[in-house]
Amino acid sequence: MFSLRGLPTAILFIVMLSFPAFTGCIGPADEKVSPGVSVAVTIPPQAEMVREIGGANVNVVVLIPPGSDPHTYEPPVSMVRKAAGADIYLKLGNGLFPVEDVLTTRLREMNPDLIVVDTSAGIEYLGPEGKRDPHIWLSLKNAAIMAENIRDALVQADPPSRDIYRENSGRYIARINELDQRNAAEFSEKDPGLILTTHQAWDYFARDYNLSIISIEHDGKEPTAQDLENLISQGRRQGVTHVFAEAQESPREAQVVADEIGATVIIIDPLSPDYLASMEQVAMTFAGS
């Protein structure tokens, strides 16, 4: 299958404009039918944040559904039109996912009144300019900042309900912080050693808890034969017992490495719509690895 990962943004924009979902034939945005604040988000974890903070006042449109890869997914025409009819678009951040950058431009063209909010504002990125690690939500510390930005966006769009959004966000951020503190205590008491994943998505998580997490792929590139040999040797030396594959990808590569090491494959989901529950489960799984 043709992959958009790794293409320069300028080329990606030209390519995407050739796809029906991004062409001018889409037409105007769908009119909002449901009452309340309509919010478009890029990935499922953001949807939980919006619903927890907005409560019954919000309707959420998720552009990249569960099980899809945000590096390569192309939303269908119907979803783009629906998102363009929203009051707010909560993007992950500028320059994180090229698909999202193209979508932001298109949605603004379709709906000039759309409020576009960068939910990564205030987050300290990993990686240099132009190669930022886009997986910001896989840090609970980052998630608390994202929740604050979402709260402020909802207040901007719906000032009469500001107290509801502030109270709900306070409770939700408290839950995020509580889980973060539990994870920190768990990992400080027990070092899980080397954690081996298939996709390089967990660097923020590793930073937060001072963990050693390496991935089979690196910078979006498939490993060479020499890379795999080095990984297998390192896994054997350090007693790796699990290889973590993601729900959005085939576990075949993970299984090959696991068989060579004598480990088992465990599936984790960095894009689960049940964000906090998933982050808790991942922490428990890493801790037991």
C-alpha atoms as a PDB file:
ATOM      1  CA  MET A   1       0.000   0.000   0.000  1.00  0.00           C
ATOM      2  CA  PHE A   2       1.218   3.515  -0.805  1.00  0.00           C
ATOM      3  CA  SER A   3       2.301   5.317   2.393  1.00  0.00           C
ATOM      4  CA  LEU A   4       2.317   9.070   2.982  1.00  0.00           C
ATOM      5  CA  ARG A   5       4.669   8.787   5.946  1.00  0.00           C
ATOM      6  CA  GLY A   6       7.930  10.600   5.416  1.00  0.00           C
ATOM      7  CA  LEU A   7       6.825  12.728   2.435  1.00  0.00           C
ATOM      8  CA  PRO A   8       7.763  16.410   2.661  1.00  0.00           C
ATOM      9  CA  THR A   9       4.759  18.506   3.690  1.00  0.00           C
ATOM     10  CA  ALA A  10       4.733  20.516   0.462  1.00  0.00           C
ATOM     11  CA  ILE A  11       4.619  17.355  -1.672  1.00  0.00           C
ATOM     12  CA  LEU A  12       2.043  15.800   0.660  1.00  0.00           C
ATOM     13  CA  PHE A  13      -0.217  18.809   0.239  1.00  0.00           C
ATOM     14  CA  ILE A  14      -0.097  18.478  -3.556  1.00  0.00           C
ATOM     15  CA  VAL A  15      -0.774  14.733  -3.363  1.00  0.00           C
ATOM     16  CA  MET A  16      -3.704  15.160  -1.009  1.00  0.00           C
ATOM     17  CA  LEU A  17      -5.303  17.823  -3.132  1.00  0.00           C
ATOM     18  CA  SER A  18      -5.672  15.121  -5.792  1.00  0.00           C
ATOM     19  CA  PHE A  19      -7.758  12.975  -3.436  1.00  0.00           C
ATOM     20  CA  PRO A  20     -11.539  13.554  -3.419  1.00  0.00           C
ATOM     21  CA  ALA A  21     -11.605  14.253   0.325  1.00  0.00           C
ATOM     22  CA  PHE A  22      -9.431  17.311  -0.151  1.00  0.00           C
ATOM     23  CA  THR A  23     -10.659  18.771  -3.421  1.00  0.00           C
ATOM     24  CA  GLY A  24     -12.818  21.776  -4.019  1.00  0.00           C
ATOM     25  CA  CYS A  25     -15.681  19.513  -5.125  1.00  0.00           C
ATOM     26  CA  ILE A  26     -16.422  18.730  -1.492  1.00  0.00           C
ATOM     27  CA  GLY A  27     -18.614  21.801  -1.364  1.00  0.00           C
ATOM     28  CA  PRO A  28     -19.601  23.797   1.699  1.00  0.00           C
ATOM     29  CA  ALA A  29     -19.553  22.508   5.231  1.00  0.00           C
ATOM     30  CA  ASP A  30     -22.479  20.490   6.526  1.00  0.00           C
ATOM     31  CA  GLU A  31     -24.845  22.561   8.615  1.00  0.00           C
ATOM     32  CA  LYS A  32     -24.803  21.791  12.303  1.00  0.00           C
ATOM     33  CA  VAL A  33     -27.903  19.826  13.226  1.00  0.00           C
ATOM     34  CA  SER A  34     -27.372  18.886  16.880  1.00  0.00           C
ATOM     35  CA  PRO A  35     -27.651  21.523  19.594  1.00  0.00           C
ATOM     36  CA  GLY A  36     -24.701  22.495  21.761  1.00  0.00           C
ATOM     37  CA  VAL A  37     -21.080  23.053  20.801  1.00  0.00           C
ATOM     38  CA  SER A  38     -19.885  20.953  17.883  1.00  0.00           C
ATOM     39  CA  VAL A  39     -16.218  19.999  18.230  1.00  0.00           C
ATOM     40  CA  ALA A  40     -14.013  18.278  15.657  1.00  0.00           C
ATOM     41  CA  VAL A  41     -10.884  16.484  16.845  1.00  0.00           C
ATOM     42  CA  THR A  42      -8.121  14.609  15.090  1.00  0.00           C
ATOM     43  CA  ILE A  43      -7.806  11.393  17.145  1.00  0.00           C
ATOM     44  CA  PRO A  44      -9.999   9.388  19.575  1.00  0.00           C
ATOM     45  CA  PRO A  45      -8.087  10.259  22.798  1.00  0.00           C
ATOM     46  CA  GLN A  46      -8.971  13.911  22.246  1.00  0.00           C
ATOM     47  CA  ALA A  47     -12.641  12.938  22.023  1.00  0.00           C
ATOM     48  CA  GLU A  48     -12.603  11.588  25.578  1.00  0.00           C
ATOM     49  CA  MET A  49     -11.053  14.826  26.811  1.00  0.00           C
ATOM     50  CA  VAL A  50     -13.730  16.911  25.071  1.00  0.00           C
ATOM     51  CA  ARG A  51     -16.598  14.792  26.380  1.00  0.00           C
ATOM     52  CA  GLU A  52     -15.258  14.765  29.930  1.00  0.00           C
ATOM     53  CA  ILE A  53     -14.873  18.546  29.947  1.00  0.00           C
ATOM     54  CA  GLY A  54     -17.856  19.522  27.796  1.00  0.00           C
ATOM     55  CA  GLY A  55     -20.311  16.972  29.146  1.00  0.00           C
ATOM     56  CA  ALA A  56     -23.785  17.123  27.634  1.00  0.00           C
ATOM     57  CA  ASN A  57     -22.996  20.465  25.985  1.00  0.00           C
ATOM     58  CA  VAL A  58     -20.751  19.028  23.259  1.00  0.00           C
ATOM     59  CA  ASN A  59     -21.023  16.903  20.143  1.00  0.00           C
ATOM     60  CA  VAL A  60     -17.739  15.418  18.936  1.00  0.00           C
ATOM     61  CA  VAL A  61     -16.583  14.534  15.423  1.00  0.00           C
ATOM     62  CA  VAL A  62     -13.438  12.358  15.243  1.00  0.00           C
ATOM     63  CA  LEU A  63     -11.583  12.685  11.940  1.00  0.00           C
ATOM     64  CA  ILE A  64      -9.274   9.684  12.407  1.00  0.00           C
ATOM     65  CA  PRO A  65     -11.344   6.805  13.830  1.00  0.00           C
ATOM     66  CA  PRO A  66     -10.149   4.034  16.161  1.00  0.00           C
ATOM     67  CA  GLY A  67      -7.937   1.490  14.466  1.00  0.00           C
ATOM     68  CA  SER A  68      -6.562   3.966  11.908  1.00  0.00           C
ATOM     69  CA  ASP A  69      -3.030   5.327  11.550  1.00  0.00           C
ATOM     70  CA  PRO A  70      -2.819   9.145  11.828  1.00  0.00           C
ATOM     71  CA  HIS A  71       0.398   9.089   9.811  1.00  0.00           C
ATOM     72  CA  THR A  72      -1.413   7.886   6.690  1.00  0.00           C
ATOM     73  CA  TYR A  73      -5.210   7.951   7.157  1.00  0.00           C
ATOM     74  CA  GLU A  74      -7.291   9.954   4.681  1.00  0.00           C
ATOM     75  CA  PRO A  75     -10.713  10.994   6.058  1.00  0.00           C
ATOM     76  CA  PRO A  76     -13.619  10.420   3.641  1.00  0.00           C
ATOM     77  CA  VAL A  77     -15.474  13.328   2.060  1.00  0.00           C
ATOM     78  CA  SER A  78     -18.437  12.940   4.406  1.00  0.00           C
ATOM     79  CA  MET A  79     -16.246  13.199   7.490  1.00  0.00           C
ATOM     80  CA  VAL A  80     -14.394  16.277   6.235  1.00  0.00           C
ATOM     81  CA  ARG A  81     -17.683  18.038   5.492  1.00  0.00           C
ATOM     82  CA  LYS A  82     -19.027  17.123   8.919  1.00  0.00           C
ATOM     83  CA  ALA A  83     -15.894  18.429  10.631  1.00  0.00           C
ATOM     84  CA  ALA A  84     -16.077  21.665   8.646  1.00  0.00           C
ATOM     85  CA  GLY A  85     -19.543  22.230  10.096  1.00  0.00           C
ATOM     86  CA  ALA A  86     -18.175  22.242  13.652  1.00  0.00           C
ATOM     87  CA  ASP A  87     -17.766  25.277  15.881  1.00  0.00           C
ATOM     88  CA  ILE A  88     -14.254  24.256  16.963  1.00  0.00           C
ATOM     89  CA  TYR A  89     -11.463  22.158  15.483  1.00  0.00           C
ATOM     90  CA  LEU A  90      -9.004  20.932  18.119  1.00  0.00           C
ATOM     91  CA  LYS A  91      -5.846  20.035  16.244  1.00  0.00           C
ATOM     92  CA  LEU A  92      -2.998  18.195  17.921  1.00  0.00           C
ATOM     93  CA  GLY A  93      -0.439  20.772  16.852  1.00  0.00           C
ATOM     94  CA  ASN A  94       1.334  22.484  14.003  1.00  0.00           C
ATOM     95  CA  GLY A  95       3.737  20.331  12.049  1.00  0.00           C
ATOM     96  CA  LEU A  96       3.019  17.120  13.956  1.00  0.00           C
ATOM     97  CA  PHE A  97       1.037  15.135  11.389  1.00  0.00           C
ATOM     98  CA  PRO A  98       1.135  16.395   7.773  1.00  0.00           C
ATOM     99  CA  VAL A  99      -2.368  15.018   7.229  1.00  0.00           C
ATOM    100  CA  GLU A 100      -3.629  17.253  10.024  1.00  0.00           C
ATOM    101  CA  ASP A 101      -1.901  20.338   8.622  1.00  0.00           C
ATOM    102  CA  VAL A 102      -3.574  19.801   5.243  1.00  0.00           C
ATOM    103  CA  LEU A 103      -6.931  19.207   6.934  1.00  0.00           C
ATOM    104  CA  THR A 104      -6.630  22.419   8.926  1.00  0.00           C
ATOM    105  CA  THR A 105      -6.122  24.456   5.767  1.00  0.00           C
ATOM    106  CA  ARG A 106      -9.056  22.776   4.036  1.00  0.00           C
ATOM    107  CA  LEU A 107     -11.434  23.119   6.984  1.00  0.00           C
ATOM    108  CA  ARG A 108     -10.671  26.826   7.300  1.00  0.00           C
ATOM    109  CA  GLU A 109     -11.423  27.297   3.603  1.00  0.00           C
ATOM    110  CA  MET A 110     -14.740  25.502   3.988  1.00  0.00           C
ATOM    111  CA  ASN A 111     -15.718  27.327   7.188  1.00  0.00           C
ATOM    112  CA  PRO A 112     -14.009  30.700   7.768  1.00  0.00           C
ATOM    113  CA  ASP A 113     -15.780  30.996  11.147  1.00  0.00           C
ATOM    114  CA  LEU A 114     -14.274  27.749  12.455  1.00  0.00           C
ATOM    115  CA  ILE A 115     -12.308  28.219  15.691  1.00  0.00           C
ATOM    116  CA  VAL A 116      -9.040  26.296  15.273  1.00  0.00           C
ATOM    117  CA  VAL A 117      -7.188  25.546  18.505  1.00  0.00           C
ATOM    118  CA  ASP A 118      -3.717  24.064  18.902  1.00  0.00           C
ATOM    119  CA  THR A 119      -4.113  21.702  21.864  1.00  0.00           C
ATOM    120  CA  SER A 120      -0.333  21.305  22.151  1.00  0.00           C
ATOM    121  CA  ALA A 121       0.159  24.963  23.117  1.00  0.00           C
ATOM    122  CA  GLY A 122       2.402  25.026  26.199  1.00  0.00           C
ATOM    123  CA  ILE A 123       3.785  21.512  25.679  1.00  0.00           C
ATOM    124  CA  GLU A 124       7.524  20.978  25.472  1.00  0.00           C
ATOM    125  CA  TYR A 125       8.086  18.921  22.343  1.00  0.00           C
ATOM    126  CA  LEU A 126      10.610  16.145  21.945  1.00  0.00           C
ATOM    127  CA  GLY A 127      12.661  16.352  18.782  1.00  0.00           C
ATOM    128  CA  PRO A 128      13.983  19.310  16.785  1.00  0.00           C
ATOM    129  CA  GLU A 129      11.922  21.761  14.740  1.00  0.00           C
ATOM    130  CA  GLY A 130      10.616  19.979  11.667  1.00  0.00           C
ATOM    131  CA  LYS A 131      10.979  16.541  13.280  1.00  0.00           C
ATOM    132  CA  ARG A 132       8.901  16.938  16.405  1.00  0.00           C
ATOM    133  CA  ASP A 133       7.601  13.795  18.041  1.00  0.00           C
ATOM    134  CA  PRO A 134       3.852  14.015  17.297  1.00  0.00           C
ATOM    135  CA  HIS A 135       2.678  11.557  19.990  1.00  0.00           C
ATOM    136  CA  ILE A 136       2.081  14.256  22.594  1.00  0.00           C
ATOM    137  CA  TRP A 137      -1.016  12.641  24.138  1.00  0.00           C
ATOM    138  CA  LEU A 138       1.018   9.623  25.297  1.00  0.00           C
ATOM    139  CA  SER A 139       2.237  11.695  28.236  1.00  0.00           C
ATOM    140  CA  LEU A 140      -0.188  12.330  31.072  1.00  0.00           C
ATOM    141  CA  LYS A 141       1.664  15.548  31.852  1.00  0.00           C
ATOM    142  CA  ASN A 142       0.983  16.683  28.304  1.00  0.00           C
ATOM    143  CA  ALA A 143      -2.612  15.490  28.550  1.00  0.00           C
ATOM    144  CA  ALA A 144      -3.234  17.818  31.487  1.00  0.00           C
ATOM    145  CA  ILE A 145      -2.047  20.747  29.344  1.00  0.00           C
ATOM    146  CA  MET A 146      -4.209  19.597  26.451  1.00  0.00           C
ATOM    147  CA  ALA A 147      -7.220  19.455  28.773  1.00  0.00           C
ATOM    148  CA  GLU A 148      -6.601  23.047  29.838  1.00  0.00           C
ATOM    149  CA  ASN A 149      -6.457  24.164  26.212  1.00  0.00           C
ATOM    150  CA  ILE A 150      -9.678  22.295  25.445  1.00  0.00           C
ATOM    151  CA  ARG A 151     -11.383  23.931  28.427  1.00  0.00           C
ATOM    152  CA  ASP A 152     -10.331  27.374  27.227  1.00  0.00           C
ATOM    153  CA  ALA A 153     -11.570  26.642  23.698  1.00  0.00           C
ATOM    154  CA  LEU A 154     -14.979  25.600  24.983  1.00  0.00           C
ATOM    155  CA  VAL A 155     -15.202  28.702  27.156  1.00  0.00           C
ATOM    156  CA  GLN A 156     -14.364  30.830  24.106  1.00  0.00           C
ATOM    157  CA  ALA A 157     -17.064  29.160  22.015  1.00  0.00           C
ATOM    158  CA  ASP A 158     -19.706  29.010  24.767  1.00  0.00           C
ATOM    159  CA  PRO A 159     -19.089  31.661  27.471  1.00  0.00           C
ATOM    160  CA  PRO A 160     -22.404  31.127  29.328  1.00  0.00           C
ATOM    161  CA  SER A 161     -21.300  27.578  30.204  1.00  0.00           C
ATOM    162  CA  ARG A 162     -17.829  28.584  31.389  1.00  0.00           C
ATOM    163  CA  ASP A 163     -18.410  27.385  34.963  1.00  0.00           C
ATOM    164  CA  ILE A 164     -19.433  23.926  33.761  1.00  0.00           C
ATOM    165  CA  TYR A 165     -16.309  23.585  31.643  1.00  0.00           C
ATOM    166  CA  ARG A 166     -14.044  24.797  34.431  1.00  0.00           C
ATOM    167  CA  GLU A 167     -15.553  22.444  37.001  1.00  0.00           C
ATOM    168  CA  ASN A 168     -15.468  19.458  34.652  1.00  0.00           C
ATOM    169  CA  SER A 169     -11.905  20.169  33.567  1.00  0.00           C
ATOM    170  CA  GLY A 170     -10.814  20.464  37.187  1.00  0.00           C
ATOM    171  CA  ARG A 171     -12.156  16.991  37.912  1.00  0.00           C
ATOM    172  CA  TYR A 172     -10.724  15.467  34.762  1.00  0.00           C
ATOM    173  CA  ILE A 173      -7.281  17.013  35.207  1.00  0.00           C
ATOM    174  CA  ALA A 174      -7.268  15.754  38.799  1.00  0.00           C
ATOM    175  CA  ARG A 175      -7.829  12.222  37.454  1.00  0.00           C
ATOM    176  CA  ILE A 176      -4.996  12.669  34.964  1.00  0.00           C
ATOM    177  CA  ASN A 177      -2.639  13.903  37.674  1.00  0.00           C
ATOM    178  CA  GLU A 178      -3.623  11.103  40.050  1.00  0.00           C
ATOM    179  CA  LEU A 179      -2.820   8.452  37.437  1.00  0.00           C
ATOM    180  CA  ASP A 180       0.447  10.207  36.595  1.00  0.00           C
ATOM    181  CA  GLN A 181       1.458  10.146  40.270  1.00  0.00           C
ATOM    182  CA  ARG A 182       0.552   6.449  40.603  1.00  0.00           C
ATOM    183  CA  ASN A 183       2.606   5.616  37.546  1.00  0.00           C
ATOM    184  CA  ALA A 184       5.584   7.585  38.850  1.00  0.00           C
ATOM    185  CA  ALA A 185       5.424   5.750  42.176  1.00  0.00           C
ATOM    186  CA  GLU A 186       5.133   2.360  40.458  1.00  0.00           C
ATOM    187  CA  PHE A 187       8.075   2.904  38.131  1.00  0.00           C
ATOM    188  CA  SER A 188      10.254   4.402  40.866  1.00  0.00           C
ATOM    189  CA  GLU A 189       9.760   1.263  42.974  1.00  0.00           C
ATOM    190  CA  LYS A 190      10.274  -1.196  40.125  1.00  0.00           C
ATOM    191  CA  ASP A 191      12.392  -0.584  37.041  1.00  0.00           C
ATOM    192  CA  PRO A 192      10.895  -2.716  34.242  1.00  0.00           C
ATOM    193  CA  GLY A 193      14.178  -2.687  32.346  1.00  0.00           C
ATOM    194  CA  LEU A 194      14.244  -2.467  28.565  1.00  0.00           C
ATOM    195  CA  ILE A 195      10.804  -2.055  26.953  1.00  0.00           C
ATOM    196  CA  LEU A 196      10.598  -3.031  23.282  1.00  0.00           C
ATOM    197  CA  THR A 197       7.838  -1.629  21.067  1.00  0.00           C
ATOM    198  CA  THR A 198       7.200  -1.797  17.347  1.00  0.00           C
ATOM    199  CA  HIS A 199       6.401   1.893  16.789  1.00  0.00           C
ATOM    200  CA  GLN A 200       8.375   4.860  18.096  1.00  0.00           C
ATOM    201  CA  ALA A 201       5.431   6.430  19.897  1.00  0.00           C
ATOM    202  CA  TRP A 202       6.320   6.230  23.572  1.00  0.00           C
ATOM    203  CA  ASP A 203       9.227   8.657  23.993  1.00  0.00           C
ATOM    204  CA  TYR A 204       7.129  11.138  25.999  1.00  0.00           C
ATOM    205  CA  PHE A 205       6.015   8.328  28.292  1.00  0.00           C
ATOM    206  CA  ALA A 206       9.647   7.220  28.682  1.00  0.00           C
ATOM    207  CA  ARG A 207      10.697  10.781  29.488  1.00  0.00           C
ATOM    208  CA  ASP A 208       8.038  11.176  32.181  1.00  0.00           C
ATOM    209  CA  TYR A 209       9.064   8.059  34.094  1.00  0.00           C
ATOM    210  CA  ASN A 210      12.742   7.740  33.142  1.00  0.00           C
ATOM    211  CA  LEU A 211      12.170   4.486  31.258  1.00  0.00           C
ATOM    212  CA  SER A 212      14.238   2.766  28.591  1.00  0.00           C
ATOM    213  CA  ILE A 213      11.918   2.243  25.616  1.00  0.00           C
ATOM    214  CA  ILE A 214      13.241   1.351  22.178  1.00  0.00           C
ATOM    215  CA  SER A 215      11.336   0.588  19.000  1.00  0.00           C
ATOM    216  CA  ILE A 216      11.764  -1.768  16.080  1.00  0.00           C
ATOM    217  CA  GLU A 217      11.188   1.072  13.640  1.00  0.00           C
ATOM    218  CA  HIS A 218      13.015   4.382  13.958  1.00  0.00           C
ATOM    219  CA  ASP A 219      12.025   7.788  12.577  1.00  0.00           C
ATOM    220  CA  GLY A 220       9.226   6.109  10.642  1.00  0.00           C
ATOM    221  CA  LYS A 221      11.619   3.779   8.814  1.00  0.00           C
ATOM    222  CA  GLU A 222      11.489   0.000   8.722  1.00  0.00           C
ATOM    223  CA  PRO A 223      14.510  -1.707  10.316  1.00  0.00           C
ATOM    224  CA  THR A 224      17.315  -3.144   8.225  1.00  0.00           C
ATOM    225  CA  ALA A 225      18.452  -6.717   8.699  1.00  0.00           C
ATOM    226  CA  GLN A 226      21.353  -5.400  10.770  1.00  0.00           C
ATOM    227  CA  ASP A 227      18.981  -3.315  12.902  1.00  0.00           C
ATOM    228  CA  LEU A 228      16.874  -6.384  13.638  1.00  0.00           C
ATOM    229  CA  GLU A 229      19.925  -8.436  14.514  1.00  0.00           C
ATOM    230  CA  ASN A 230      21.086  -5.738  16.942  1.00  0.00           C
ATOM    231  CA  LEU A 231      17.618  -5.465  18.521  1.00  0.00           C
ATOM    232  CA  ILE A 232      17.355  -9.209  18.974  1.00  0.00           C
ATOM    233  CA  SER A 233      20.806  -9.382  20.554  1.00  0.00           C
ATOM    234  CA  GLN A 234      19.995  -6.490  22.890  1.00  0.00           C
ATOM    235  CA  GLY A 235      16.658  -8.038  23.821  1.00  0.00           C
ATOM    236  CA  ARG A 236      18.296 -11.339  24.689  1.00  0.00           C
ATOM    237  CA  ARG A 237      21.028  -9.671  26.761  1.00  0.00           C
ATOM    238  CA  GLN A 238      18.561  -7.608  28.749  1.00  0.00           C
ATOM    239  CA  GLY A 239      16.010 -10.341  29.280  1.00  0.00           C
ATOM    240  CA  VAL A 240      13.122  -8.820  27.342  1.00  0.00           C
ATOM    241  CA  THR A 241      10.023 -10.974  27.841  1.00  0.00           C
ATOM    242  CA  HIS A 242       7.441  -8.956  25.878  1.00  0.00           C
ATOM    243  CA  VAL A 243       7.327  -7.121  22.559  1.00  0.00           C
ATOM    244  CA  PHE A 244       4.597  -4.475  22.377  1.00  0.00           C
ATOM    245  CA  ALA A 245       2.759  -4.098  19.071  1.00  0.00           C
ATOM    246  CA  GLU A 246       0.114  -1.498  18.330  1.00  0.00           C
ATOM    247  CA  ALA A 247      -3.512  -2.184  17.524  1.00  0.00           C
ATOM    248  CA  GLN A 248      -3.246  -0.095  14.339  1.00  0.00           C
ATOM    249  CA  GLU A 249      -0.630  -2.341  12.715  1.00  0.00           C
ATOM    250  CA  SER A 250       0.075  -5.958  11.862  1.00  0.00           C
ATOM    251  CA  PRO A 251       1.809  -7.834  14.707  1.00  0.00           C
ATOM    252  CA  ARG A 252       3.841  -9.898  12.209  1.00  0.00           C
ATOM    253  CA  GLU A 253       7.092  -7.967  12.649  1.00  0.00           C
ATOM    254  CA  ALA A 254       6.707  -7.993  16.421  1.00  0.00           C
ATOM    255  CA  GLN A 255       6.122 -11.738  16.369  1.00  0.00           C
ATOM    256  CA  VAL A 256       9.278 -12.343  14.339  1.00  0.00           C
ATOM    257  CA  VAL A 257      11.379 -10.459  16.885  1.00  0.00           C
ATOM    258  CA  ALA A 258       9.560 -12.022  19.837  1.00  0.00           C
ATOM    259  CA  ASP A 259      10.161 -15.532  18.485  1.00  0.00           C
ATOM    260  CA  GLU A 260      13.876 -14.837  18.181  1.00  0.00           C
ATOM    261  CA  ILE A 261      14.112 -13.414  21.699  1.00  0.00           C
ATOM    262  CA  GLY A 262      11.804 -15.949  23.316  1.00  0.00           C
ATOM    263  CA  ALA A 263       9.269 -13.266  24.214  1.00  0.00           C
ATOM    264  CA  THR A 264       5.518 -12.881  23.767  1.00  0.00           C
ATOM    265  CA  VAL A 265       3.661 -10.194  21.830  1.00  0.00           C
ATOM    266  CA  ILE A 266       1.270  -7.894  23.670  1.00  0.00           C
ATOM    267  CA  ILE A 267      -1.065  -5.520  21.805  1.00  0.00           C
ATOM    268  CA  ILE A 268      -1.414  -1.966  23.122  1.00  0.00           C
ATOM    269  CA  ASP A 269      -3.545   0.836  21.702  1.00  0.00           C
ATOM    270  CA  PRO A 270      -2.089   4.366  21.737  1.00  0.00           C
ATOM    271  CA  LEU A 271      -5.242   5.664  20.036  1.00  0.00           C
ATOM    272  CA  SER A 272      -7.860   4.092  22.291  1.00  0.00           C
ATOM    273  CA  PRO A 273     -11.043   6.160  22.676  1.00  0.00           C
ATOM    274  CA  ASP A 274     -10.971   5.147  26.363  1.00  0.00           C
ATOM    275  CA  TYR A 275      -7.916   7.299  26.902  1.00  0.00           C
ATOM    276  CA  LEU A 276      -7.291   7.267  30.663  1.00  0.00           C
ATOM    277  CA  ALA A 277      -8.246   3.615  31.065  1.00  0.00           C
ATOM    278  CA  SER A 278      -5.899   2.715  28.215  1.00  0.00           C
ATOM    279  CA  MET A 279      -3.034   4.765  29.665  1.00  0.00           C
ATOM    280  CA  GLU A 280      -3.496   3.016  32.997  1.00  0.00           C
ATOM    281  CA  GLN A 281      -3.491  -0.400  31.321  1.00  0.00           C
ATOM    282  CA  VAL A 282      -0.362   0.404  29.297  1.00  0.00           C
ATOM    283  CA  ALA A 283       1.458   1.548  32.439  1.00  0.00           C
ATOM    284  CA  MET A 284       0.514  -1.666  34.240  1.00  0.00           C
ATOM    285  CA  THR A 285       1.616  -3.734  31.240  1.00  0.00           C
ATOM    286  CA  PHE A 286       4.943  -1.934  30.908  1.00  0.00           C
ATOM    287  CA  ALA A 287       5.543  -2.266  34.640  1.00  0.00           C
ATOM    288  CA  GLY A 288       5.062  -6.014  34.418  1.00  0.00           C
ATOM    289  CA  SER A 289       7.268  -6.463  31.377  1.00  0.00           C
END
